mmCIF file of all heavy atoms, coordinates in Angstrom:
data_MODEL
# 
_entry.id   MODEL 
# 
loop_
_atom_site.group_PDB 
_atom_site.id 
_atom_site.type_symbol 
_atom_site.label_atom_id 
_atom_site.label_alt_id 
_atom_site.label_comp_id 
_atom_site.label_asym_id 
_atom_site.label_entity_id 
_atom_site.label_seq_id 
_atom_site.pdbx_PDB_ins_code 
_atom_site.Cartn_x 
_atom_site.Cartn_y 
_atom_site.Cartn_z 
_atom_site.occupancy 
_atom_site.B_iso_or_equiv 
_atom_site.pdbx_formal_charge 
_atom_site.auth_seq_id 
_atom_site.auth_comp_id 
_atom_site.auth_asym_id 
_atom_site.auth_atom_id 
_atom_site.pdbx_PDB_model_num 
ATOM 1   N N   . SER A 1 1  ? 10.438 26.830 -50.201 1.00 0.00 ? 1  SER A N   1 
ATOM 2   C CA  . SER A 1 1  ? 9.105  27.414 -50.127 1.00 0.00 ? 1  SER A CA  1 
ATOM 3   C C   . SER A 1 1  ? 8.186  26.473 -49.375 1.00 0.00 ? 1  SER A C   1 
ATOM 4   O O   . SER A 1 1  ? 8.503  25.297 -49.187 1.00 0.00 ? 1  SER A O   1 
ATOM 5   C CB  . SER A 1 1  ? 8.552  27.672 -51.536 1.00 0.00 ? 1  SER A CB  1 
ATOM 6   O OG  . SER A 1 1  ? 8.463  26.473 -52.266 1.00 0.00 ? 1  SER A OG  1 
ATOM 7   N N   . GLY A 1 2  ? 7.091  27.006 -48.897 1.00 0.00 ? 2  GLY A N   1 
ATOM 8   C CA  . GLY A 1 2  ? 6.089  26.178 -48.250 1.00 0.00 ? 2  GLY A CA  1 
ATOM 9   C C   . GLY A 1 2  ? 6.070  26.245 -46.737 1.00 0.00 ? 2  GLY A C   1 
ATOM 10  O O   . GLY A 1 2  ? 5.182  25.680 -46.101 1.00 0.00 ? 2  GLY A O   1 
ATOM 11  N N   . ARG A 1 3  ? 7.063  26.907 -46.172 1.00 0.00 ? 3  ARG A N   1 
ATOM 12  C CA  . ARG A 1 3  ? 7.064  27.086 -44.721 1.00 0.00 ? 3  ARG A CA  1 
ATOM 13  C C   . ARG A 1 3  ? 8.024  28.232 -44.394 1.00 0.00 ? 3  ARG A C   1 
ATOM 14  O O   . ARG A 1 3  ? 8.693  28.767 -45.277 1.00 0.00 ? 3  ARG A O   1 
ATOM 15  C CB  . ARG A 1 3  ? 7.476  25.809 -43.994 1.00 0.00 ? 3  ARG A CB  1 
ATOM 16  C CG  . ARG A 1 3  ? 8.903  25.389 -44.231 1.00 0.00 ? 3  ARG A CG  1 
ATOM 17  C CD  . ARG A 1 3  ? 9.230  24.110 -43.502 1.00 0.00 ? 3  ARG A CD  1 
ATOM 18  N NE  . ARG A 1 3  ? 10.665 23.849 -43.536 1.00 0.00 ? 3  ARG A NE  1 
ATOM 19  C CZ  . ARG A 1 3  ? 11.235 22.765 -43.058 1.00 0.00 ? 3  ARG A CZ  1 
ATOM 20  N NH1 . ARG A 1 3  ? 10.487 21.815 -42.494 1.00 0.00 ? 3  ARG A NH1 1 
ATOM 21  N NH2 . ARG A 1 3  ? 12.546 22.610 -43.114 1.00 0.00 ? 3  ARG A NH2 1 
ATOM 22  N N   . THR A 1 4  ? 8.114  28.580 -43.108 1.00 0.00 ? 4  THR A N   1 
ATOM 23  C CA  . THR A 1 4  ? 8.955  29.700 -42.692 1.00 0.00 ? 4  THR A CA  1 
ATOM 24  C C   . THR A 1 4  ? 10.420 29.292 -42.731 1.00 0.00 ? 4  THR A C   1 
ATOM 25  O O   . THR A 1 4  ? 10.903 28.560 -41.866 1.00 0.00 ? 4  THR A O   1 
ATOM 26  C CB  . THR A 1 4  ? 8.566  30.173 -41.283 1.00 0.00 ? 4  THR A CB  1 
ATOM 27  O OG1 . THR A 1 4  ? 7.172  30.505 -41.254 1.00 0.00 ? 4  THR A OG1 1 
ATOM 28  C CG2 . THR A 1 4  ? 9.373  31.396 -40.889 1.00 0.00 ? 4  THR A CG2 1 
ATOM 29  N N   . PHE A 1 5  ? 11.112 29.778 -43.738 1.00 0.00 ? 5  PHE A N   1 
ATOM 30  C CA  . PHE A 1 5  ? 12.492 29.363 -43.982 1.00 0.00 ? 5  PHE A CA  1 
ATOM 31  C C   . PHE A 1 5  ? 13.395 29.589 -42.788 1.00 0.00 ? 5  PHE A C   1 
ATOM 32  O O   . PHE A 1 5  ? 14.211 28.732 -42.433 1.00 0.00 ? 5  PHE A O   1 
ATOM 33  C CB  . PHE A 1 5  ? 13.021 30.146 -45.196 1.00 0.00 ? 5  PHE A CB  1 
ATOM 34  C CG  . PHE A 1 5  ? 14.448 29.864 -45.550 1.00 0.00 ? 5  PHE A CG  1 
ATOM 35  C CD1 . PHE A 1 5  ? 14.779 28.694 -46.212 1.00 0.00 ? 5  PHE A CD1 1 
ATOM 36  C CD2 . PHE A 1 5  ? 15.452 30.766 -45.232 1.00 0.00 ? 5  PHE A CD2 1 
ATOM 37  C CE1 . PHE A 1 5  ? 16.100 28.425 -46.553 1.00 0.00 ? 5  PHE A CE1 1 
ATOM 38  C CE2 . PHE A 1 5  ? 16.770 30.508 -45.560 1.00 0.00 ? 5  PHE A CE2 1 
ATOM 39  C CZ  . PHE A 1 5  ? 17.092 29.331 -46.220 1.00 0.00 ? 5  PHE A CZ  1 
ATOM 40  N N   . SER A 1 6  ? 13.264 30.710 -42.143 1.00 0.00 ? 6  SER A N   1 
ATOM 41  C CA  . SER A 1 6  ? 14.194 31.081 -41.066 1.00 0.00 ? 6  SER A CA  1 
ATOM 42  C C   . SER A 1 6  ? 14.060 30.203 -39.826 1.00 0.00 ? 6  SER A C   1 
ATOM 43  O O   . SER A 1 6  ? 14.912 30.259 -38.935 1.00 0.00 ? 6  SER A O   1 
ATOM 44  C CB  . SER A 1 6  ? 13.975 32.545 -40.682 1.00 0.00 ? 6  SER A CB  1 
ATOM 45  O OG  . SER A 1 6  ? 12.653 32.761 -40.227 1.00 0.00 ? 6  SER A OG  1 
ATOM 46  N N   . SER A 1 7  ? 13.024 29.396 -39.768 1.00 0.00 ? 7  SER A N   1 
ATOM 47  C CA  . SER A 1 7  ? 12.766 28.581 -38.577 1.00 0.00 ? 7  SER A CA  1 
ATOM 48  C C   . SER A 1 7  ? 13.438 27.218 -38.616 1.00 0.00 ? 7  SER A C   1 
ATOM 49  O O   . SER A 1 7  ? 13.292 26.436 -37.673 1.00 0.00 ? 7  SER A O   1 
ATOM 50  C CB  . SER A 1 7  ? 11.258 28.389 -38.394 1.00 0.00 ? 7  SER A CB  1 
ATOM 51  O OG  . SER A 1 7  ? 10.622 29.625 -38.131 1.00 0.00 ? 7  SER A OG  1 
ATOM 52  N N   . TYR A 1 8  ? 14.167 26.924 -39.681 1.00 0.00 ? 8  TYR A N   1 
ATOM 53  C CA  . TYR A 1 8  ? 14.726 25.584 -39.854 1.00 0.00 ? 8  TYR A CA  1 
ATOM 54  C C   . TYR A 1 8  ? 16.183 25.633 -40.289 1.00 0.00 ? 8  TYR A C   1 
ATOM 55  O O   . TYR A 1 8  ? 16.596 26.531 -41.038 1.00 0.00 ? 8  TYR A O   1 
ATOM 56  C CB  . TYR A 1 8  ? 13.924 24.796 -40.885 1.00 0.00 ? 8  TYR A CB  1 
ATOM 57  C CG  . TYR A 1 8  ? 12.498 24.564 -40.466 1.00 0.00 ? 8  TYR A CG  1 
ATOM 58  C CD1 . TYR A 1 8  ? 11.512 25.508 -40.743 1.00 0.00 ? 8  TYR A CD1 1 
ATOM 59  C CD2 . TYR A 1 8  ? 12.132 23.413 -39.773 1.00 0.00 ? 8  TYR A CD2 1 
ATOM 60  C CE1 . TYR A 1 8  ? 10.208 25.314 -40.344 1.00 0.00 ? 8  TYR A CE1 1 
ATOM 61  C CE2 . TYR A 1 8  ? 10.817 23.210 -39.382 1.00 0.00 ? 8  TYR A CE2 1 
ATOM 62  C CZ  . TYR A 1 8  ? 9.874  24.165 -39.657 1.00 0.00 ? 8  TYR A CZ  1 
ATOM 63  O OH  . TYR A 1 8  ? 8.582  23.965 -39.261 1.00 0.00 ? 8  TYR A OH  1 
ATOM 64  N N   . ALA A 1 9  ? 16.922 24.613 -39.836 1.00 0.00 ? 9  ALA A N   1 
ATOM 65  C CA  . ALA A 1 9  ? 18.280 24.429 -40.326 1.00 0.00 ? 9  ALA A CA  1 
ATOM 66  C C   . ALA A 1 9  ? 18.250 23.976 -41.774 1.00 0.00 ? 9  ALA A C   1 
ATOM 67  O O   . ALA A 1 9  ? 17.249 23.444 -42.261 1.00 0.00 ? 9  ALA A O   1 
ATOM 68  C CB  . ALA A 1 9  ? 18.995 23.394 -39.464 1.00 0.00 ? 9  ALA A CB  1 
ATOM 69  N N   . MET A 1 10 ? 19.386 24.182 -42.451 1.00 0.00 ? 10 MET A N   1 
ATOM 70  C CA  . MET A 1 10 ? 19.511 23.783 -43.842 1.00 0.00 ? 10 MET A CA  1 
ATOM 71  C C   . MET A 1 10 ? 20.861 23.099 -44.049 1.00 0.00 ? 10 MET A C   1 
ATOM 72  O O   . MET A 1 10 ? 21.813 23.349 -43.284 1.00 0.00 ? 10 MET A O   1 
ATOM 73  C CB  . MET A 1 10 ? 19.427 24.999 -44.762 1.00 0.00 ? 10 MET A CB  1 
ATOM 74  C CG  . MET A 1 10 ? 18.130 25.785 -44.696 1.00 0.00 ? 10 MET A CG  1 
ATOM 75  S SD  . MET A 1 10 ? 16.706 24.840 -45.268 1.00 0.00 ? 10 MET A SD  1 
ATOM 76  C CE  . MET A 1 10 ? 17.157 24.542 -46.989 1.00 0.00 ? 10 MET A CE  1 
ATOM 77  N N   . ALA A 1 11 ? 20.945 22.284 -45.067 1.00 0.00 ? 11 ALA A N   1 
ATOM 78  C CA  . ALA A 1 11 ? 22.190 21.551 -45.306 1.00 0.00 ? 11 ALA A CA  1 
ATOM 79  C C   . ALA A 1 11 ? 22.356 21.220 -46.785 1.00 0.00 ? 11 ALA A C   1 
ATOM 80  O O   . ALA A 1 11 ? 21.398 21.253 -47.559 1.00 0.00 ? 11 ALA A O   1 
ATOM 81  C CB  . ALA A 1 11 ? 22.203 20.261 -44.486 1.00 0.00 ? 11 ALA A CB  1 
ATOM 82  N N   . TRP A 1 12 ? 23.594 20.899 -47.109 1.00 0.00 ? 12 TRP A N   1 
ATOM 83  C CA  . TRP A 1 12 ? 23.938 20.346 -48.421 1.00 0.00 ? 12 TRP A CA  1 
ATOM 84  C C   . TRP A 1 12 ? 24.559 18.969 -48.223 1.00 0.00 ? 12 TRP A C   1 
ATOM 85  O O   . TRP A 1 12 ? 25.437 18.792 -47.363 1.00 0.00 ? 12 TRP A O   1 
ATOM 86  C CB  . TRP A 1 12 ? 24.920 21.251 -49.152 1.00 0.00 ? 12 TRP A CB  1 
ATOM 87  C CG  . TRP A 1 12 ? 24.331 22.525 -49.646 1.00 0.00 ? 12 TRP A CG  1 
ATOM 88  C CD1 . TRP A 1 12 ? 24.347 23.741 -49.013 1.00 0.00 ? 12 TRP A CD1 1 
ATOM 89  C CD2 . TRP A 1 12 ? 23.631 22.727 -50.868 1.00 0.00 ? 12 TRP A CD2 1 
ATOM 90  N NE1 . TRP A 1 12 ? 23.694 24.679 -49.783 1.00 0.00 ? 12 TRP A NE1 1 
ATOM 91  C CE2 . TRP A 1 12 ? 23.251 24.082 -50.931 1.00 0.00 ? 12 TRP A CE2 1 
ATOM 92  C CE3 . TRP A 1 12 ? 23.304 21.894 -51.943 1.00 0.00 ? 12 TRP A CE3 1 
ATOM 93  C CZ2 . TRP A 1 12 ? 22.552 24.618 -52.006 1.00 0.00 ? 12 TRP A CZ2 1 
ATOM 94  C CZ3 . TRP A 1 12 ? 22.610 22.420 -53.002 1.00 0.00 ? 12 TRP A CZ3 1 
ATOM 95  C CH2 . TRP A 1 12 ? 22.236 23.774 -53.044 1.00 0.00 ? 12 TRP A CH2 1 
ATOM 96  N N   . PHE A 1 13 ? 24.088 18.027 -49.018 1.00 0.00 ? 13 PHE A N   1 
ATOM 97  C CA  . PHE A 1 13 ? 24.654 16.698 -49.088 1.00 0.00 ? 13 PHE A CA  1 
ATOM 98  C C   . PHE A 1 13 ? 25.164 16.487 -50.507 1.00 0.00 ? 13 PHE A C   1 
ATOM 99  O O   . PHE A 1 13 ? 24.801 17.216 -51.432 1.00 0.00 ? 13 PHE A O   1 
ATOM 100 C CB  . PHE A 1 13 ? 23.592 15.630 -48.792 1.00 0.00 ? 13 PHE A CB  1 
ATOM 101 C CG  . PHE A 1 13 ? 23.168 15.538 -47.355 1.00 0.00 ? 13 PHE A CG  1 
ATOM 102 C CD1 . PHE A 1 13 ? 22.394 16.527 -46.768 1.00 0.00 ? 13 PHE A CD1 1 
ATOM 103 C CD2 . PHE A 1 13 ? 23.521 14.443 -46.589 1.00 0.00 ? 13 PHE A CD2 1 
ATOM 104 C CE1 . PHE A 1 13 ? 21.987 16.440 -45.445 1.00 0.00 ? 13 PHE A CE1 1 
ATOM 105 C CE2 . PHE A 1 13 ? 23.116 14.341 -45.269 1.00 0.00 ? 13 PHE A CE2 1 
ATOM 106 C CZ  . PHE A 1 13 ? 22.342 15.335 -44.697 1.00 0.00 ? 13 PHE A CZ  1 
ATOM 107 N N   . ARG A 1 14 ? 25.976 15.453 -50.689 1.00 0.00 ? 14 ARG A N   1 
ATOM 108 C CA  . ARG A 1 14 ? 26.375 15.076 -52.043 1.00 0.00 ? 14 ARG A CA  1 
ATOM 109 C C   . ARG A 1 14 ? 26.481 13.561 -52.137 1.00 0.00 ? 14 ARG A C   1 
ATOM 110 O O   . ARG A 1 14 ? 26.748 12.879 -51.145 1.00 0.00 ? 14 ARG A O   1 
ATOM 111 C CB  . ARG A 1 14 ? 27.687 15.730 -52.450 1.00 0.00 ? 14 ARG A CB  1 
ATOM 112 C CG  . ARG A 1 14 ? 28.931 15.226 -51.732 1.00 0.00 ? 14 ARG A CG  1 
ATOM 113 C CD  . ARG A 1 14 ? 30.147 16.009 -52.197 1.00 0.00 ? 14 ARG A CD  1 
ATOM 114 N NE  . ARG A 1 14 ? 31.383 15.523 -51.586 1.00 0.00 ? 14 ARG A NE  1 
ATOM 115 C CZ  . ARG A 1 14 ? 32.574 16.088 -51.784 1.00 0.00 ? 14 ARG A CZ  1 
ATOM 116 N NH1 . ARG A 1 14 ? 32.700 17.161 -52.566 1.00 0.00 ? 14 ARG A NH1 1 
ATOM 117 N NH2 . ARG A 1 14 ? 33.650 15.580 -51.207 1.00 0.00 ? 14 ARG A NH2 1 
ATOM 118 N N   . GLN A 1 15 ? 26.248 13.085 -53.359 1.00 0.00 ? 15 GLN A N   1 
ATOM 119 C CA  . GLN A 1 15 ? 26.331 11.651 -53.616 1.00 0.00 ? 15 GLN A CA  1 
ATOM 120 C C   . GLN A 1 15 ? 27.058 11.433 -54.926 1.00 0.00 ? 15 GLN A C   1 
ATOM 121 O O   . GLN A 1 15 ? 26.572 11.830 -55.994 1.00 0.00 ? 15 GLN A O   1 
ATOM 122 C CB  . GLN A 1 15 ? 24.942 11.014 -53.657 1.00 0.00 ? 15 GLN A CB  1 
ATOM 123 C CG  . GLN A 1 15 ? 24.973 9.506  -53.761 1.00 0.00 ? 15 GLN A CG  1 
ATOM 124 C CD  . GLN A 1 15 ? 23.611 8.884  -53.516 1.00 0.00 ? 15 GLN A CD  1 
ATOM 125 O OE1 . GLN A 1 15 ? 22.570 9.525  -53.667 1.00 0.00 ? 15 GLN A OE1 1 
ATOM 126 N NE2 . GLN A 1 15 ? 23.601 7.627  -53.117 1.00 0.00 ? 15 GLN A NE2 1 
ATOM 127 N N   . ALA A 1 16 ? 28.211 10.805 -54.831 1.00 0.00 ? 16 ALA A N   1 
ATOM 128 C CA  . ALA A 1 16 ? 28.977 10.434 -56.013 1.00 0.00 ? 16 ALA A CA  1 
ATOM 129 C C   . ALA A 1 16 ? 28.516 9.063  -56.496 1.00 0.00 ? 16 ALA A C   1 
ATOM 130 O O   . ALA A 1 16 ? 27.949 8.285  -55.722 1.00 0.00 ? 16 ALA A O   1 
ATOM 131 C CB  . ALA A 1 16 ? 30.473 10.414 -55.674 1.00 0.00 ? 16 ALA A CB  1 
ATOM 132 N N   . PRO A 1 17 ? 28.747 8.755  -57.757 1.00 0.00 ? 17 PRO A N   1 
ATOM 133 C CA  . PRO A 1 17 ? 28.320 7.458  -58.296 1.00 0.00 ? 17 PRO A CA  1 
ATOM 134 C C   . PRO A 1 17 ? 28.870 6.295  -57.483 1.00 0.00 ? 17 PRO A C   1 
ATOM 135 O O   . PRO A 1 17 ? 30.066 6.231  -57.184 1.00 0.00 ? 17 PRO A O   1 
ATOM 136 C CB  . PRO A 1 17 ? 28.894 7.466  -59.713 1.00 0.00 ? 17 PRO A CB  1 
ATOM 137 C CG  . PRO A 1 17 ? 29.006 8.902  -60.064 1.00 0.00 ? 17 PRO A CG  1 
ATOM 138 C CD  . PRO A 1 17 ? 29.365 9.602  -58.792 1.00 0.00 ? 17 PRO A CD  1 
ATOM 139 N N   . GLY A 1 18 ? 27.985 5.392  -57.090 1.00 0.00 ? 18 GLY A N   1 
ATOM 140 C CA  . GLY A 1 18 ? 28.392 4.212  -56.356 1.00 0.00 ? 18 GLY A CA  1 
ATOM 141 C C   . GLY A 1 18 ? 28.717 4.444  -54.898 1.00 0.00 ? 18 GLY A C   1 
ATOM 142 O O   . GLY A 1 18 ? 29.184 3.529  -54.216 1.00 0.00 ? 18 GLY A O   1 
ATOM 143 N N   . LYS A 1 19 ? 28.456 5.655  -54.407 1.00 0.00 ? 19 LYS A N   1 
ATOM 144 C CA  . LYS A 1 19 ? 28.780 5.975  -53.015 1.00 0.00 ? 19 LYS A CA  1 
ATOM 145 C C   . LYS A 1 19 ? 27.525 6.423  -52.271 1.00 0.00 ? 19 LYS A C   1 
ATOM 146 O O   . LYS A 1 19 ? 26.505 6.737  -52.867 1.00 0.00 ? 19 LYS A O   1 
ATOM 147 C CB  . LYS A 1 19 ? 29.855 7.053  -52.951 1.00 0.00 ? 19 LYS A CB  1 
ATOM 148 C CG  . LYS A 1 19 ? 31.183 6.619  -53.541 1.00 0.00 ? 19 LYS A CG  1 
ATOM 149 C CD  . LYS A 1 19 ? 32.261 7.630  -53.275 1.00 0.00 ? 19 LYS A CD  1 
ATOM 150 C CE  . LYS A 1 19 ? 33.606 7.169  -53.802 1.00 0.00 ? 19 LYS A CE  1 
ATOM 151 N NZ  . LYS A 1 19 ? 34.684 8.163  -53.535 1.00 0.00 ? 19 LYS A NZ  1 
ATOM 152 N N   . GLU A 1 20 ? 27.637 6.471  -50.958 1.00 0.00 ? 20 GLU A N   1 
ATOM 153 C CA  . GLU A 1 20 ? 26.525 6.916  -50.130 1.00 0.00 ? 20 GLU A CA  1 
ATOM 154 C C   . GLU A 1 20 ? 26.394 8.441  -50.190 1.00 0.00 ? 20 GLU A C   1 
ATOM 155 O O   . GLU A 1 20 ? 27.328 9.150  -50.543 1.00 0.00 ? 20 GLU A O   1 
ATOM 156 C CB  . GLU A 1 20 ? 26.741 6.471  -48.687 1.00 0.00 ? 20 GLU A CB  1 
ATOM 157 C CG  . GLU A 1 20 ? 26.719 4.972  -48.495 1.00 0.00 ? 20 GLU A CG  1 
ATOM 158 C CD  . GLU A 1 20 ? 26.823 4.573  -47.036 1.00 0.00 ? 20 GLU A CD  1 
ATOM 159 O OE1 . GLU A 1 20 ? 27.069 5.463  -46.197 1.00 0.00 ? 20 GLU A OE1 1 
ATOM 160 O OE2 . GLU A 1 20 ? 26.653 3.384  -46.738 1.00 0.00 ? 20 GLU A OE2 1 
ATOM 161 N N   . ARG A 1 21 ? 25.224 8.916  -49.813 1.00 0.00 ? 21 ARG A N   1 
ATOM 162 C CA  . ARG A 1 21 ? 24.993 10.352 -49.716 1.00 0.00 ? 21 ARG A CA  1 
ATOM 163 C C   . ARG A 1 21 ? 25.617 10.859 -48.417 1.00 0.00 ? 21 ARG A C   1 
ATOM 164 O O   . ARG A 1 21 ? 25.312 10.346 -47.338 1.00 0.00 ? 21 ARG A O   1 
ATOM 165 C CB  . ARG A 1 21 ? 23.499 10.641 -49.744 1.00 0.00 ? 21 ARG A CB  1 
ATOM 166 C CG  . ARG A 1 21 ? 23.157 12.094 -49.873 1.00 0.00 ? 21 ARG A CG  1 
ATOM 167 C CD  . ARG A 1 21 ? 21.654 12.302 -49.988 1.00 0.00 ? 21 ARG A CD  1 
ATOM 168 N NE  . ARG A 1 21 ? 21.101 11.641 -51.161 1.00 0.00 ? 21 ARG A NE  1 
ATOM 169 C CZ  . ARG A 1 21 ? 19.837 11.787 -51.547 1.00 0.00 ? 21 ARG A CZ  1 
ATOM 170 N NH1 . ARG A 1 21 ? 19.015 12.576 -50.853 1.00 0.00 ? 21 ARG A NH1 1 
ATOM 171 N NH2 . ARG A 1 21 ? 19.391 11.168 -52.611 1.00 0.00 ? 21 ARG A NH2 1 
ATOM 172 N N   . ASP A 1 22 ? 26.476 11.840 -48.532 1.00 0.00 ? 22 ASP A N   1 
ATOM 173 C CA  . ASP A 1 22 ? 27.205 12.352 -47.378 1.00 0.00 ? 22 ASP A CA  1 
ATOM 174 C C   . ASP A 1 22 ? 26.856 13.808 -47.098 1.00 0.00 ? 22 ASP A C   1 
ATOM 175 O O   . ASP A 1 22 ? 26.651 14.602 -48.022 1.00 0.00 ? 22 ASP A O   1 
ATOM 176 C CB  . ASP A 1 22 ? 28.715 12.262 -47.617 1.00 0.00 ? 22 ASP A CB  1 
ATOM 177 C CG  . ASP A 1 22 ? 29.217 10.831 -47.680 1.00 0.00 ? 22 ASP A CG  1 
ATOM 178 O OD1 . ASP A 1 22 ? 28.676 9.981  -46.953 1.00 0.00 ? 22 ASP A OD1 1 
ATOM 179 O OD2 . ASP A 1 22 ? 30.144 10.573 -48.468 1.00 0.00 ? 22 ASP A OD2 1 
ATOM 180 N N   . LEU A 1 23 ? 26.868 14.154 -45.823 1.00 0.00 ? 23 LEU A N   1 
ATOM 181 C CA  . LEU A 1 23 ? 26.652 15.538 -45.419 1.00 0.00 ? 23 LEU A CA  1 
ATOM 182 C C   . LEU A 1 23 ? 27.902 16.360 -45.743 1.00 0.00 ? 23 LEU A C   1 
ATOM 183 O O   . LEU A 1 23 ? 29.010 16.013 -45.334 1.00 0.00 ? 23 LEU A O   1 
ATOM 184 C CB  . LEU A 1 23 ? 26.346 15.605 -43.926 1.00 0.00 ? 23 LEU A CB  1 
ATOM 185 C CG  . LEU A 1 23 ? 26.156 16.996 -43.321 1.00 0.00 ? 23 LEU A CG  1 
ATOM 186 C CD1 . LEU A 1 23 ? 25.003 17.745 -43.974 1.00 0.00 ? 23 LEU A CD1 1 
ATOM 187 C CD2 . LEU A 1 23 ? 25.936 16.884 -41.806 1.00 0.00 ? 23 LEU A CD2 1 
ATOM 188 N N   . VAL A 1 24 ? 27.696 17.433 -46.473 1.00 0.00 ? 24 VAL A N   1 
ATOM 189 C CA  . VAL A 1 24 ? 28.793 18.316 -46.872 1.00 0.00 ? 24 VAL A CA  1 
ATOM 190 C C   . VAL A 1 24 ? 28.919 19.484 -45.901 1.00 0.00 ? 24 VAL A C   1 
ATOM 191 O O   . VAL A 1 24 ? 29.994 19.766 -45.385 1.00 0.00 ? 24 VAL A O   1 
ATOM 192 C CB  . VAL A 1 24 ? 28.551 18.846 -48.295 1.00 0.00 ? 24 VAL A CB  1 
ATOM 193 C CG1 . VAL A 1 24 ? 29.546 19.939 -48.659 1.00 0.00 ? 24 VAL A CG1 1 
ATOM 194 C CG2 . VAL A 1 24 ? 28.603 17.709 -49.300 1.00 0.00 ? 24 VAL A CG2 1 
ATOM 195 N N   . ALA A 1 25 ? 27.801 20.160 -45.673 1.00 0.00 ? 25 ALA A N   1 
ATOM 196 C CA  . ALA A 1 25 ? 27.798 21.344 -44.821 1.00 0.00 ? 25 ALA A CA  1 
ATOM 197 C C   . ALA A 1 25 ? 26.381 21.607 -44.348 1.00 0.00 ? 25 ALA A C   1 
ATOM 198 O O   . ALA A 1 25 ? 25.418 21.223 -45.015 1.00 0.00 ? 25 ALA A O   1 
ATOM 199 C CB  . ALA A 1 25 ? 28.324 22.566 -45.570 1.00 0.00 ? 25 ALA A CB  1 
ATOM 200 N N   . ALA A 1 26 ? 26.271 22.259 -43.203 1.00 0.00 ? 26 ALA A N   1 
ATOM 201 C CA  . ALA A 1 26 ? 24.961 22.577 -42.659 1.00 0.00 ? 26 ALA A CA  1 
ATOM 202 C C   . ALA A 1 26 ? 25.027 23.903 -41.904 1.00 0.00 ? 26 ALA A C   1 
ATOM 203 O O   . ALA A 1 26 ? 26.099 24.307 -41.420 1.00 0.00 ? 26 ALA A O   1 
ATOM 204 C CB  . ALA A 1 26 ? 24.487 21.470 -41.720 1.00 0.00 ? 26 ALA A CB  1 
# 
């Protein structure tokens, strides 16, 4: 919310304990 959703890419990241945040899908 807060802006025009369709105008921007979106992604999912994940972070496991003790690990870096990684890009999962976009």
